Amino acid sequence: MAAAKNKTAPKSDEVRKAPVYLPTSNPPKPRMALLIVMAVVAVIWFALLAYLALQQTGTI
């Protein structure tokens, strides 16, 4: 435990550089089907919540 606390600090004369991110030739592809499915699930979820809320108030 004590050995883990005795880390050497980086020297002040070292220059830290920000990492360079290169453009990739294989970017992630957008998945339109997943977007449509998530939108349908969200609409069904909100419709169910509205139905249950109206059922609680006695409107339905």
PDB file of N, CA and C in Angstrom:
ATOM      1  N   MET A   1       0.829  -1.180   0.000  1.00  0.00           N
ATOM      2  CA  MET A   1       0.000   0.000   0.000  1.00  0.00           C
ATOM      3  C   MET A   1       0.877   1.247   0.000  1.00  0.00           C
ATOM      4  N   ALA A   2       1.926   1.244   0.821  1.00  0.00           N
ATOM      5  CA  ALA A   2       2.789   2.414   0.901  1.00  0.00           C
ATOM      6  C   ALA A   2       3.605   2.581  -0.373  1.00  0.00           C
ATOM      7  N   ALA A   3       3.901   1.481  -1.044  1.00  0.00           N
ATOM      8  CA  ALA A   3       4.690   1.575  -2.280  1.00  0.00           C
ATOM      9  C   ALA A   3       3.886   2.233  -3.387  1.00  0.00           C
ATOM     10  N   ALA A   4       2.574   2.099  -3.363  1.00  0.00           N
ATOM     11  CA  ALA A   4       1.740   2.693  -4.400  1.00  0.00           C
ATOM     12  C   ALA A   4       1.690   4.210  -4.268  1.00  0.00           C
ATOM     13  N   LYS A   5       1.893   4.722  -3.072  1.00  0.00           N
ATOM     14  CA  LYS A   5       1.832   6.171  -2.867  1.00  0.00           C
ATOM     15  C   LYS A   5       3.146   6.855  -3.229  1.00  0.00           C
ATOM     16  N   ASN A   6       4.209   6.108  -3.408  1.00  0.00           N
ATOM     17  CA  ASN A   6       5.515   6.695  -3.689  1.00  0.00           C
ATOM     18  C   ASN A   6       5.784   6.768  -5.183  1.00  0.00           C
ATOM     19  N   LYS A   7       4.841   7.257  -5.956  1.00  0.00           N
ATOM     20  CA  LYS A   7       5.034   7.397  -7.401  1.00  0.00           C
ATOM     21  C   LYS A   7       5.851   8.656  -7.670  1.00  0.00           C
ATOM     22  N   THR A   8       6.698   8.573  -8.662  1.00  0.00           N
ATOM     23  CA  THR A   8       7.505   9.741  -9.000  1.00  0.00           C
ATOM     24  C   THR A   8       6.676  10.699  -9.849  1.00  0.00           C
ATOM     25  N   ALA A   9       6.767  11.957  -9.551  1.00  0.00           N
ATOM     26  CA  ALA A   9       6.044  12.983 -10.297  1.00  0.00           C
ATOM     27  C   ALA A   9       6.752  13.219 -11.627  1.00  0.00           C
ATOM     28  N   PRO A  10       6.009  13.563 -12.678  1.00  0.00           N
ATOM     29  CA  PRO A  10       6.665  13.836 -13.958  1.00  0.00           C
ATOM     30  C   PRO A  10       7.542  15.084 -13.865  1.00  0.00           C
ATOM     31  N   LYS A  11       8.621  15.060 -14.583  1.00  0.00           N
ATOM     32  CA  LYS A  11       9.545  16.196 -14.545  1.00  0.00           C
ATOM     33  C   LYS A  11       8.899  17.412 -15.189  1.00  0.00           C
ATOM     34  N   SER A  12       9.207  18.581 -14.671  1.00  0.00           N
ATOM     35  CA  SER A  12       8.591  19.799 -15.180  1.00  0.00           C
ATOM     36  C   SER A  12       9.134  20.202 -16.551  1.00  0.00           C
ATOM     37  N   ASP A  13      10.331  19.716 -16.928  1.00  0.00           N
ATOM     38  CA  ASP A  13      10.880  20.090 -18.217  1.00  0.00           C
ATOM     39  C   ASP A  13      10.331  19.232 -19.364  1.00  0.00           C
ATOM     40  N   GLU A  14       9.569  18.164 -19.027  1.00  0.00           N
ATOM     41  CA  GLU A  14       8.942  17.358 -20.071  1.00  0.00           C
ATOM     42  C   GLU A  14       7.738  18.105 -20.632  1.00  0.00           C
ATOM     43  N   VAL A  15       7.611  18.069 -21.939  1.00  0.00           N
ATOM     44  CA  VAL A  15       6.489  18.733 -22.592  1.00  0.00           C
ATOM     45  C   VAL A  15       5.408  17.692 -22.839  1.00  0.00           C
ATOM     46  N   ARG A  16       4.232  17.983 -22.326  1.00  0.00           N
ATOM     47  CA  ARG A  16       3.113  17.071 -22.542  1.00  0.00           C
ATOM     48  C   ARG A  16       2.382  17.494 -23.803  1.00  0.00           C
ATOM     49  N   LYS A  17       2.118  16.539 -24.654  1.00  0.00           N
ATOM     50  CA  LYS A  17       1.408  16.813 -25.903  1.00  0.00           C
ATOM     51  C   LYS A  17       0.024  16.186 -25.839  1.00  0.00           C
ATOM     52  N   ALA A  18      -0.922  16.866 -26.447  1.00  0.00           N
ATOM     53  CA  ALA A  18      -2.264  16.309 -26.538  1.00  0.00           C
ATOM     54  C   ALA A  18      -2.249  15.188 -27.564  1.00  0.00           C
ATOM     55  N   PRO A  19      -3.024  14.135 -27.335  1.00  0.00           N
ATOM     56  CA  PRO A  19      -3.050  13.037 -28.307  1.00  0.00           C
ATOM     57  C   PRO A  19      -3.658  13.493 -29.628  1.00  0.00           C
ATOM     58  N   VAL A  20      -3.130  12.965 -30.704  1.00  0.00           N
ATOM     59  CA  VAL A  20      -3.617  13.300 -32.037  1.00  0.00           C
ATOM     60  C   VAL A  20      -4.503  12.160 -32.512  1.00  0.00           C
ATOM     61  N   TYR A  21      -5.743  12.485 -32.820  1.00  0.00           N
ATOM     62  CA  TYR A  21      -6.680  11.475 -33.288  1.00  0.00           C
ATOM     63  C   TYR A  21      -6.758  11.549 -34.805  1.00  0.00           C
ATOM     64  N   LEU A  22      -6.366  10.477 -35.451  1.00  0.00           N
ATOM     65  CA  LEU A  22      -6.365  10.438 -36.904  1.00  0.00           C
ATOM     66  C   LEU A  22      -7.744  10.032 -37.407  1.00  0.00           C
ATOM     67  N   PRO A  23      -8.140  10.539 -38.574  1.00  0.00           N
ATOM     68  CA  PRO A  23      -9.433  10.123 -39.119  1.00  0.00           C
ATOM     69  C   PRO A  23      -9.395   8.645 -39.475  1.00  0.00           C
ATOM     70  N   THR A  24     -10.509   7.996 -39.244  1.00  0.00           N
ATOM     71  CA  THR A  24     -10.560   6.557 -39.512  1.00  0.00           C
ATOM     72  C   THR A  24     -11.154   6.290 -40.883  1.00  0.00           C
ATOM     73  N   SER A  25     -10.733   5.229 -41.491  1.00  0.00           N
ATOM     74  CA  SER A  25     -11.279   4.864 -42.790  1.00  0.00           C
ATOM     75  C   SER A  25     -12.505   3.972 -42.642  1.00  0.00           C
ATOM     76  N   ASN A  26     -12.842   3.609 -41.409  1.00  0.00           N
ATOM     77  CA  ASN A  26     -13.982   2.732 -41.163  1.00  0.00           C
ATOM     78  C   ASN A  26     -14.867   3.329 -40.074  1.00  0.00           C
ATOM     79  N   PRO A  27     -15.586   4.420 -40.375  1.00  0.00           N
ATOM     80  CA  PRO A  27     -16.429   5.029 -39.344  1.00  0.00           C
ATOM     81  C   PRO A  27     -17.653   4.166 -39.061  1.00  0.00           C
ATOM     82  N   PRO A  28     -18.261   4.300 -37.880  1.00  0.00           N
ATOM     83  CA  PRO A  28     -19.465   3.523 -37.594  1.00  0.00           C
ATOM     84  C   PRO A  28     -20.608   3.937 -38.521  1.00  0.00           C
ATOM     85  N   LYS A  29     -21.363   2.954 -38.963  1.00  0.00           N
ATOM     86  CA  LYS A  29     -22.450   3.239 -39.899  1.00  0.00           C
ATOM     87  C   LYS A  29     -23.722   3.556 -39.123  1.00  0.00           C
ATOM     88  N   PRO A  30     -24.467   4.575 -39.551  1.00  0.00           N
ATOM     89  CA  PRO A  30     -25.735   4.865 -38.877  1.00  0.00           C
ATOM     90  C   PRO A  30     -26.730   3.735 -39.146  1.00  0.00           C
ATOM     91  N   ARG A  31     -27.465   3.379 -38.117  1.00  0.00           N
ATOM     92  CA  ARG A  31     -28.421   2.285 -38.259  1.00  0.00           C
ATOM     93  C   ARG A  31     -29.820   2.865 -38.196  1.00  0.00           C
ATOM     94  N   MET A  32     -30.411   3.056 -39.367  1.00  0.00           N
ATOM     95  CA  MET A  32     -31.730   3.668 -39.459  1.00  0.00           C
ATOM     96  C   MET A  32     -32.803   2.774 -38.830  1.00  0.00           C
ATOM     97  N   ALA A  33     -32.662   1.471 -38.963  1.00  0.00           N
ATOM     98  CA  ALA A  33     -33.661   0.556 -38.397  1.00  0.00           C
ATOM     99  C   ALA A  33     -33.698   0.671 -36.878  1.00  0.00           C
ATOM    100  N   LEU A  34     -32.533   0.796 -36.250  1.00  0.00           N
ATOM    101  CA  LEU A  34     -32.487   0.928 -34.793  1.00  0.00           C
ATOM    102  C   LEU A  34     -33.153   2.235 -34.356  1.00  0.00           C
ATOM    103  N   LEU A  35     -32.929   3.300 -35.107  1.00  0.00           N
ATOM    104  CA  LEU A  35     -33.555   4.583 -34.791  1.00  0.00           C
ATOM    105  C   LEU A  35     -35.075   4.496 -34.893  1.00  0.00           C
ATOM    106  N   ILE A  36     -35.562   3.834 -35.927  1.00  0.00           N
ATOM    107  CA  ILE A  36     -37.007   3.697 -36.115  1.00  0.00           C
ATOM    108  C   ILE A  36     -37.608   2.842 -35.003  1.00  0.00           C
ATOM    109  N   VAL A  37     -36.941   1.749 -34.649  1.00  0.00           N
ATOM    110  CA  VAL A  37     -37.443   0.882 -33.578  1.00  0.00           C
ATOM    111  C   VAL A  37     -37.482   1.635 -32.256  1.00  0.00           C
ATOM    112  N   MET A  38     -36.452   2.409 -31.953  1.00  0.00           N
ATOM    113  CA  MET A  38     -36.426   3.172 -30.705  1.00  0.00           C
ATOM    114  C   MET A  38     -37.528   4.236 -30.680  1.00  0.00           C
ATOM    115  N   ALA A  39     -37.807   4.859 -31.821  1.00  0.00           N
ATOM    116  CA  ALA A  39     -38.886   5.848 -31.883  1.00  0.00           C
ATOM    117  C   ALA A  39     -40.242   5.187 -31.650  1.00  0.00           C
ATOM    118  N   VAL A  40     -40.450   4.010 -32.241  1.00  0.00           N
ATOM    119  CA  VAL A  40     -41.714   3.296 -32.049  1.00  0.00           C
ATOM    120  C   VAL A  40     -41.870   2.868 -30.596  1.00  0.00           C
ATOM    121  N   VAL A  41     -40.810   2.386 -29.989  1.00  0.00           N
ATOM    122  CA  VAL A  41     -40.862   1.990 -28.576  1.00  0.00           C
ATOM    123  C   VAL A  41     -41.185   3.197 -27.695  1.00  0.00           C
ATOM    124  N   ALA A  42     -40.587   4.348 -28.009  1.00  0.00           N
ATOM    125  CA  ALA A  42     -40.849   5.551 -27.212  1.00  0.00           C
ATOM    126  C   ALA A  42     -42.312   5.983 -27.331  1.00  0.00           C
ATOM    127  N   VAL A  43     -42.866   5.925 -28.543  1.00  0.00           N
ATOM    128  CA  VAL A  43     -44.267   6.310 -28.740  1.00  0.00           C
ATOM    129  C   VAL A  43     -45.193   5.354 -27.977  1.00  0.00           C
ATOM    130  N   ILE A  44     -44.921   4.056 -28.061  1.00  0.00           N
ATOM    131  CA  ILE A  44     -45.744   3.088 -27.328  1.00  0.00           C
ATOM    132  C   ILE A  44     -45.632   3.304 -25.822  1.00  0.00           C
ATOM    133  N   TRP A  45     -44.421   3.615 -25.328  1.00  0.00           N
ATOM    134  CA  TRP A  45     -44.201   3.830 -23.914  1.00  0.00           C
ATOM    135  C   TRP A  45     -44.993   5.045 -23.418  1.00  0.00           C
ATOM    136  N   PHE A  46     -44.933   6.152 -24.172  1.00  0.00           N
ATOM    137  CA  PHE A  46     -45.670   7.348 -23.758  1.00  0.00           C
ATOM    138  C   PHE A  46     -47.176   7.137 -23.868  1.00  0.00           C
ATOM    139  N   ALA A  47     -47.627   6.383 -24.855  1.00  0.00           N
ATOM    140  CA  ALA A  47     -49.055   6.090 -24.971  1.00  0.00           C
ATOM    141  C   ALA A  47     -49.522   5.253 -23.781  1.00  0.00           C
ATOM    142  N   LEU A  48     -48.711   4.285 -23.370  1.00  0.00           N
ATOM    143  CA  LEU A  48     -49.050   3.466 -22.205  1.00  0.00           C
ATOM    144  C   LEU A  48     -49.097   4.310 -20.934  1.00  0.00           C
ATOM    145  N   LEU A  49     -48.128   5.203 -20.785  1.00  0.00           N
ATOM    146  CA  LEU A  49     -48.135   6.083 -19.609  1.00  0.00           C
ATOM    147  C   LEU A  49     -49.360   6.996 -19.596  1.00  0.00           C
ATOM    148  N   ALA A  50     -49.723   7.531 -20.750  1.00  0.00           N
ATOM    149  CA  ALA A  50     -50.903   8.392 -20.824  1.00  0.00           C
ATOM    150  C   ALA A  50     -52.171   7.594 -20.514  1.00  0.00           C
ATOM    151  N   TYR A  51     -52.253   6.372 -21.038  1.00  0.00           N
ATOM    152  CA  TYR A  51     -53.416   5.522 -20.752  1.00  0.00           C
ATOM    153  C   TYR A  51     -53.537   5.227 -19.261  1.00  0.00           C
ATOM    154  N   LEU A  52     -52.424   4.876 -18.629  1.00  0.00           N
ATOM    155  CA  LEU A  52     -52.474   4.567 -17.201  1.00  0.00           C
ATOM    156  C   LEU A  52     -52.794   5.814 -16.379  1.00  0.00           C
ATOM    157  N   ALA A  53     -52.286   6.983 -16.789  1.00  0.00           N
ATOM    158  CA  ALA A  53     -52.597   8.220 -16.068  1.00  0.00           C
ATOM    159  C   ALA A  53     -54.077   8.549 -16.192  1.00  0.00           C
ATOM    160  N   LEU A  54     -54.647   8.379 -17.389  1.00  0.00           N
ATOM    161  CA  LEU A  54     -56.070   8.651 -17.558  1.00  0.00           C
ATOM    162  C   LEU A  54     -56.922   7.627 -16.825  1.00  0.00           C
ATOM    163  N   GLN A  55     -56.426   6.417 -16.723  1.00  0.00           N
ATOM    164  CA  GLN A  55     -57.152   5.389 -15.990  1.00  0.00           C
ATOM    165  C   GLN A  55     -57.178   5.712 -14.488  1.00  0.00           C
ATOM    166  N   GLN A  56     -56.104   6.282 -13.984  1.00  0.00           N
ATOM    167  CA  GLN A  56     -56.047   6.659 -12.560  1.00  0.00           C
ATOM    168  C   GLN A  56     -57.028   7.781 -12.249  1.00  0.00           C
ATOM    169  N   THR A  57     -57.201   8.710 -13.185  1.00  0.00           N
ATOM    170  CA  THR A  57     -58.095   9.841 -12.930  1.00  0.00           C
ATOM    171  C   THR A  57     -59.561   9.452 -13.139  1.00  0.00           C
ATOM    172  N   GLY A  58     -59.818   8.278 -13.696  1.00  0.00           N
ATOM    173  CA  GLY A  58     -61.195   7.847 -13.897  1.00  0.00           C
ATOM    174  C   GLY A  58     -61.784   8.373 -15.187  1.00  0.00           C
ATOM    175  N   THR A  59     -60.988   8.932 -16.066  1.00  0.00           N
ATOM    176  CA  THR A  59     -61.491   9.467 -17.325  1.00  0.00           C
ATOM    177  C   THR A  59     -61.813   8.329 -18.287  1.00  0.00           C
ATOM    178  N   ILE A  60     -61.077   7.240 -18.208  1.00  0.00           N
ATOM    179  CA  ILE A  60     -61.318   6.115 -19.120  1.00  0.00           C
ATOM    180  C   ILE A  60     -62.202   5.099 -18.416  1.00  0.00           C
TER     181      ILE A  60
END
